[in-house]
Amino acid sequence: MNLFGLKPERGYSQNFLKSTHISNKFVDQLSLNPNSLVVEIGPGPGIITRSIIKRDLLKVIGVEKDKRFEPILAQLSDSSNNKFDYILDDATKDKDLSLTNKILDKLGNDISIGNVNIVGNLPFSIGGHILGQYIYQSLQSEGLFRYPTQINFMFSEPMGRKLLDTKNRTKFGTLVRTAFLIKESFVVPKGNFNPQPQIDVIALEFRPRPSPFKNKLEIDYYDTLLKHIYRFPNKKASSTMKRQLEYLEQVGISPETKLSTLTISSLVELSKLLMANNVKL
């Protein structure tokens, strides 16, 4: 970065990893083989990228919003023996899969993908937004999730702990757990970043679960149900859904239960029953 006169941009909430030991440890968590595609969100100065390129894999494609880093990424691409390429684009705007299609176009039609690893040390302000896109893509087996896919992201530790918490789930945490199995990889002390954030960072692994839904309509209804439940997460079913108590009883949910404490499977079962009976929430 010093060579190109670049500094982290506050407007992008950038905190770049500066330890090759941590970047190598992070890459050790990936599922890599000669047919692996790695999509790196926000490669920036490329410290994680360099650790990935050293491994035996098919291709690394970086998606970078900050155009200031193009000279660094172009230099990495030229020296990578065709293992690294990049796209200047905003990874938060891929609801229509236009970015995913650009990524796949980079590979060409004659390359067979064995599995996909989506990775990133994400700015704290957009990490949840990007993960949110992948929830819906994974549940519908769209885009990169047509292939066996693993996500490895670094988040602020408080955000990561909320996602790992199974007892005090938020609506977002419930959606994430519906789509993914989550595992903690390791904690990265804040001193390993430039500029140094106020809090430590945690590396998490997300592996897609088999989707319990048949189509987008079922997913949208489930999302609406969760919004309804988590408006008042500490209230009992008898007050949160007093008009739908008969359906709750059909799936074995007591009126005294706090719906936000239900298992993912119970929530999915309830959602499908309500939708089948055309219950408006």
Protein backbone atom coordinates (compact mmCIF):
# COMPACT_ATOMS: atom_id res chain seq x y z
CA MET A 1 0.00 0.00 0.00
CA ASN A 2 2.86 2.36 0.79
CA LEU A 3 4.31 1.72 -2.67
CA PHE A 4 1.10 2.97 -4.29
CA GLY A 5 0.50 5.74 -1.74
CA LEU A 6 -2.75 4.22 -0.45
CA LYS A 7 -4.32 4.51 2.96
CA PRO A 8 -7.43 2.85 4.43
CA GLU A 9 -10.55 4.84 3.61
CA ARG A 10 -12.81 5.68 6.55
CA GLY A 11 -15.82 5.93 4.27
CA TYR A 12 -15.43 2.22 3.46
CA SER A 13 -14.78 1.21 7.11
CA GLN A 14 -11.56 -0.45 5.99
CA ASN A 15 -9.38 -2.35 8.48
CA PHE A 16 -6.79 -4.32 6.53
CA LEU A 17 -5.09 -7.42 7.83
CA LYS A 18 -1.34 -6.93 8.08
CA SER A 19 -0.18 -10.34 9.38
CA THR A 20 0.81 -13.04 6.86
CA HIS A 21 0.68 -15.56 9.72
CA ILE A 22 -3.03 -14.78 10.21
CA SER A 23 -3.75 -14.73 6.47
CA ASN A 24 -2.14 -18.18 6.10
CA LYS A 25 -4.08 -19.47 9.11
CA PHE A 26 -7.29 -18.12 7.60
CA VAL A 27 -6.62 -19.85 4.27
CA ASP A 28 -5.87 -23.11 6.11
CA GLN A 29 -9.59 -23.20 7.03
CA LEU A 30 -10.69 -23.37 3.38
CA SER A 31 -11.64 -26.53 1.47
CA LEU A 32 -9.22 -26.27 -1.43
CA ASN A 33 -8.39 -28.69 -4.22
CA PRO A 34 -7.22 -28.33 -7.85
CA ASN A 35 -10.83 -27.67 -8.95
CA SER A 36 -11.63 -25.02 -6.31
CA LEU A 37 -12.85 -21.56 -7.20
CA VAL A 38 -12.18 -18.93 -4.55
CA VAL A 39 -14.16 -15.69 -4.61
CA GLU A 40 -12.59 -13.07 -2.36
CA ILE A 41 -14.82 -10.18 -1.35
CA GLY A 42 -12.82 -7.00 -0.86
CA PRO A 43 -9.22 -8.15 -1.46
CA GLY A 44 -7.91 -4.57 -0.98
CA PRO A 45 -4.10 -4.67 -0.82
CA GLY A 46 -4.16 -8.44 -1.33
CA ILE A 47 -2.57 -9.95 1.76
CA ILE A 48 -5.14 -12.77 1.97
CA THR A 49 -5.08 -13.05 -1.84
CA ARG A 50 -1.34 -13.78 -1.78
CA SER A 51 -1.86 -16.56 0.77
CA ILE A 52 -4.60 -18.11 -1.40
CA ILE A 53 -2.65 -17.95 -4.67
CA LYS A 54 0.11 -20.08 -3.14
CA ARG A 55 -2.30 -23.01 -2.78
CA ASP A 56 -3.20 -25.66 -5.35
CA LEU A 57 -6.51 -24.49 -6.78
CA LEU A 58 -8.35 -23.56 -9.97
CA LYS A 59 -8.80 -19.78 -9.75
CA VAL A 60 -9.09 -16.85 -7.35
CA ILE A 61 -11.39 -13.97 -8.35
CA GLY A 62 -11.41 -10.82 -6.26
CA VAL A 63 -14.39 -8.47 -6.09
CA GLU A 64 -13.26 -4.99 -5.07
CA LYS A 65 -15.40 -1.85 -4.76
CA ASP A 66 -12.53 0.55 -4.06
CA LYS A 67 -11.00 1.37 -7.44
CA ARG A 68 -7.87 2.78 -5.79
CA PHE A 69 -6.66 -0.81 -5.37
CA GLU A 70 -6.78 -1.67 -9.07
CA PRO A 71 -3.01 -1.16 -9.63
CA ILE A 72 -2.21 -3.61 -6.82
CA LEU A 73 -4.77 -6.15 -8.07
CA ALA A 74 -3.54 -5.80 -11.66
CA GLN A 75 0.02 -6.44 -10.51
CA LEU A 76 -1.12 -9.52 -8.56
CA SER A 77 -2.99 -10.78 -11.60
CA ASP A 78 0.01 -10.35 -13.91
CA SER A 79 2.31 -12.26 -11.54
CA SER A 80 -0.14 -15.04 -10.61
CA ASN A 81 0.37 -17.33 -13.62
CA ASN A 82 -3.33 -16.93 -14.49
CA LYS A 83 -4.51 -18.00 -11.01
CA PHE A 84 -5.90 -14.59 -10.00
CA ASP A 85 -8.29 -12.20 -11.68
CA TYR A 86 -10.49 -9.43 -10.33
CA ILE A 87 -13.70 -7.48 -10.88
CA LEU A 88 -14.26 -3.87 -9.83
CA ASP A 89 -17.79 -4.04 -8.46
CA ASP A 90 -19.93 -3.72 -5.33
CA ALA A 91 -20.46 -7.12 -3.69
CA THR A 92 -23.48 -5.86 -1.77
CA LYS A 93 -25.48 -5.53 -4.99
CA ASP A 94 -25.87 -9.04 -6.30
CA LYS A 95 -29.56 -9.76 -5.69
CA ASP A 96 -30.07 -10.26 -9.43
CA LEU A 97 -26.91 -12.44 -9.66
CA SER A 98 -25.35 -10.04 -12.19
CA LEU A 99 -22.09 -10.04 -10.23
CA THR A 100 -22.14 -13.83 -9.90
CA ASN A 101 -22.54 -14.08 -13.68
CA LYS A 102 -19.51 -11.79 -14.15
CA ILE A 103 -17.50 -14.09 -11.86
CA LEU A 104 -18.49 -17.19 -13.80
CA ASP A 105 -17.80 -15.44 -17.11
CA LYS A 106 -14.21 -14.91 -15.98
CA LEU A 107 -13.76 -18.70 -15.96
CA GLY A 108 -15.15 -19.41 -19.42
CA ASN A 109 -17.28 -22.34 -20.50
CA ASP A 110 -14.53 -24.95 -20.68
CA ILE A 111 -13.60 -24.88 -16.98
CA SER A 112 -15.23 -27.29 -14.55
CA ILE A 113 -15.72 -26.03 -10.98
CA GLY A 114 -15.45 -28.64 -8.23
CA ASN A 115 -16.31 -26.45 -5.27
CA VAL A 116 -16.47 -22.78 -4.28
CA ASN A 117 -14.96 -20.92 -1.33
CA ILE A 118 -16.29 -17.40 -0.69
CA VAL A 119 -13.93 -15.52 1.59
CA GLY A 120 -13.33 -12.05 2.96
CA ASN A 121 -12.13 -9.81 5.73
CA LEU A 122 -15.24 -7.67 5.52
CA PRO A 123 -15.72 -4.07 6.59
CA PHE A 124 -17.83 -4.21 9.74
CA SER A 125 -20.56 -2.05 8.21
CA ILE A 126 -21.36 -4.32 5.25
CA GLY A 127 -20.55 -7.84 6.44
CA GLY A 128 -24.10 -8.65 7.49
CA HIS A 129 -25.52 -7.24 4.25
CA ILE A 130 -23.35 -9.48 2.09
CA LEU A 131 -24.07 -12.54 4.22
CA GLY A 132 -27.78 -11.71 3.96
CA GLN A 133 -27.62 -11.98 0.16
CA TYR A 134 -26.01 -15.38 0.43
CA ILE A 135 -28.74 -16.65 2.78
CA TYR A 136 -31.37 -16.39 0.06
CA GLN A 137 -29.06 -17.61 -2.71
CA SER A 138 -28.11 -20.65 -0.66
CA LEU A 139 -31.71 -21.51 0.26
CA GLN A 140 -32.59 -21.45 -3.45
CA SER A 141 -29.36 -23.09 -4.69
CA GLU A 142 -28.74 -20.08 -6.93
CA GLY A 143 -25.59 -18.56 -8.33
CA LEU A 144 -22.42 -19.91 -6.76
CA PHE A 145 -24.53 -22.11 -4.49
CA ARG A 146 -25.23 -24.42 -7.40
CA TYR A 147 -21.83 -25.84 -6.45
CA PRO A 148 -20.62 -27.22 -3.10
CA THR A 149 -19.87 -23.94 -1.33
CA GLN A 150 -18.19 -22.83 1.87
CA ILE A 151 -18.06 -19.27 3.23
CA ASN A 152 -15.24 -18.04 5.46
CA PHE A 153 -15.61 -14.47 6.66
CA MET A 154 -13.93 -12.30 9.26
CA PHE A 155 -16.39 -10.19 11.24
CA SER A 156 -16.18 -7.94 14.26
CA GLU A 157 -16.21 -10.28 17.25
CA PRO A 158 -19.48 -8.92 18.76
CA MET A 159 -21.27 -9.50 15.46
CA GLY A 160 -19.79 -12.99 15.19
CA ARG A 161 -20.79 -13.87 18.75
CA LYS A 162 -24.38 -12.87 18.01
CA LEU A 163 -24.42 -15.24 15.04
CA LEU A 164 -22.97 -18.05 17.16
CA ASP A 165 -25.44 -17.52 20.03
CA THR A 166 -28.10 -20.25 19.90
CA LYS A 167 -30.01 -19.15 23.01
CA ASN A 168 -30.59 -15.46 22.25
CA ARG A 169 -31.05 -15.47 18.49
CA THR A 170 -32.01 -12.37 16.56
CA LYS A 171 -34.18 -12.54 13.43
CA PHE A 172 -31.04 -12.26 11.30
CA GLY A 173 -29.27 -14.92 13.35
CA THR A 174 -32.25 -17.25 12.88
CA LEU A 175 -32.19 -16.70 9.11
CA VAL A 176 -28.45 -17.38 9.00
CA ARG A 177 -28.87 -20.60 10.98
CA THR A 178 -31.72 -21.69 8.73
CA ALA A 179 -29.38 -21.52 5.74
CA PHE A 180 -25.99 -22.42 7.27
CA LEU A 181 -24.14 -24.47 9.82
CA ILE A 182 -21.84 -21.97 11.59
CA LYS A 183 -18.49 -22.74 13.18
CA GLU A 184 -15.97 -20.50 14.92
CA SER A 185 -12.50 -20.78 13.39
CA PHE A 186 -10.39 -18.42 15.54
CA VAL A 187 -10.23 -14.94 17.04
CA VAL A 188 -7.87 -12.35 15.54
CA PRO A 189 -6.59 -9.74 18.02
CA LYS A 190 -7.26 -6.19 16.84
CA GLY A 191 -3.55 -5.37 16.69
CA ASN A 192 -3.26 -7.41 13.50
CA PHE A 193 -5.14 -4.77 11.48
CA ASN A 194 -4.38 -1.37 10.00
CA PRO A 195 -5.90 0.87 11.17
CA GLN A 196 -6.45 -0.92 14.44
CA PRO A 197 -10.18 -1.38 15.17
CA GLN A 198 -11.57 -0.91 18.66
CA ILE A 199 -12.57 -4.56 18.95
CA ASP A 200 -11.15 -7.96 18.04
CA VAL A 201 -12.17 -9.85 14.92
CA ILE A 202 -13.50 -13.40 14.63
CA ALA A 203 -13.18 -15.79 11.69
CA LEU A 204 -16.32 -17.86 11.05
CA GLU A 205 -17.12 -20.72 8.71
CA PHE A 206 -20.55 -21.11 7.08
CA ARG A 207 -21.57 -24.35 5.36
CA PRO A 208 -24.95 -24.48 3.59
CA ARG A 209 -27.65 -26.70 5.06
CA PRO A 210 -30.03 -28.59 2.76
CA SER A 211 -32.78 -26.07 2.06
CA PRO A 212 -36.08 -26.89 3.80
CA PHE A 213 -37.98 -24.82 1.22
CA LYS A 214 -39.27 -25.75 -2.25
CA ASN A 215 -39.43 -22.27 -3.76
CA LYS A 216 -39.04 -18.53 -3.22
CA LEU A 217 -42.65 -18.14 -2.04
CA GLU A 218 -41.96 -20.43 0.92
CA ILE A 219 -38.76 -18.54 1.75
CA ASP A 220 -40.53 -15.17 1.59
CA TYR A 221 -43.34 -16.42 3.83
CA TYR A 222 -40.80 -17.76 6.35
CA ASP A 223 -39.06 -14.37 6.34
CA THR A 224 -42.40 -12.64 7.00
CA LEU A 225 -43.14 -15.02 9.87
CA LEU A 226 -39.77 -14.26 11.47
CA LYS A 227 -40.39 -10.52 11.15
CA HIS A 228 -43.72 -11.03 12.92
CA ILE A 229 -42.18 -13.12 15.71
CA TYR A 230 -39.16 -10.92 16.33
CA ARG A 231 -41.17 -7.71 16.65
CA PHE A 232 -41.78 -8.85 20.23
CA PRO A 233 -39.23 -11.65 20.83
CA ASN A 234 -39.86 -11.93 24.57
CA LYS A 235 -43.61 -12.28 24.35
CA LYS A 236 -45.42 -15.62 24.54
CA ALA A 237 -47.11 -17.29 21.60
CA SER A 238 -50.50 -16.59 23.15
CA SER A 239 -49.97 -12.84 22.64
CA THR A 240 -47.68 -12.82 19.60
CA MET A 241 -49.92 -15.10 17.52
CA LYS A 242 -53.19 -15.37 19.42
CA ARG A 243 -55.20 -15.61 16.18
CA GLN A 244 -53.14 -18.59 14.99
CA LEU A 245 -53.04 -20.66 18.20
CA GLU A 246 -54.79 -23.62 16.59
CA TYR A 247 -51.96 -23.96 14.10
CA LEU A 248 -49.31 -23.66 16.80
CA GLU A 249 -50.98 -26.49 18.69
CA GLN A 250 -50.96 -28.65 15.55
CA VAL A 251 -47.14 -28.54 15.52
CA GLY A 252 -46.88 -29.02 19.29
CA ILE A 253 -46.15 -25.43 20.32
CA SER A 254 -47.54 -24.39 23.70
CA PRO A 255 -49.26 -20.97 24.02
CA GLU A 256 -46.80 -20.28 26.85
CA THR A 257 -43.78 -20.63 24.57
CA LYS A 258 -41.68 -17.68 23.45
CA LEU A 259 -41.61 -18.20 19.70
CA SER A 260 -38.13 -16.70 19.41
CA THR A 261 -36.79 -19.68 21.42
CA LEU A 262 -38.11 -22.32 19.01
CA THR A 263 -35.76 -24.57 17.07
CA ILE A 264 -35.17 -23.85 13.39
CA SER A 265 -37.04 -27.03 12.42
CA SER A 266 -40.09 -26.00 14.50
CA LEU A 267 -40.14 -22.55 12.91
CA VAL A 268 -39.92 -24.04 9.42
CA GLU A 269 -42.71 -26.53 10.20
CA LEU A 270 -44.92 -23.76 11.57
CA SER A 271 -44.24 -21.56 8.55
CA LYS A 272 -45.19 -24.29 6.09
CA LEU A 273 -48.41 -25.09 7.98
CA LEU A 274 -49.48 -21.45 8.11
CA MET A 275 -48.70 -20.94 4.44
CA ALA A 276 -50.59 -24.09 3.44
CA ASN A 277 -53.65 -22.69 5.21
CA ASN A 278 -53.26 -19.24 3.62
CA VAL A 279 -52.80 -17.54 6.99
CA LYS A 280 -51.94 -13.86 6.64
CA LEU A 281 -49.44 -12.45 9.14
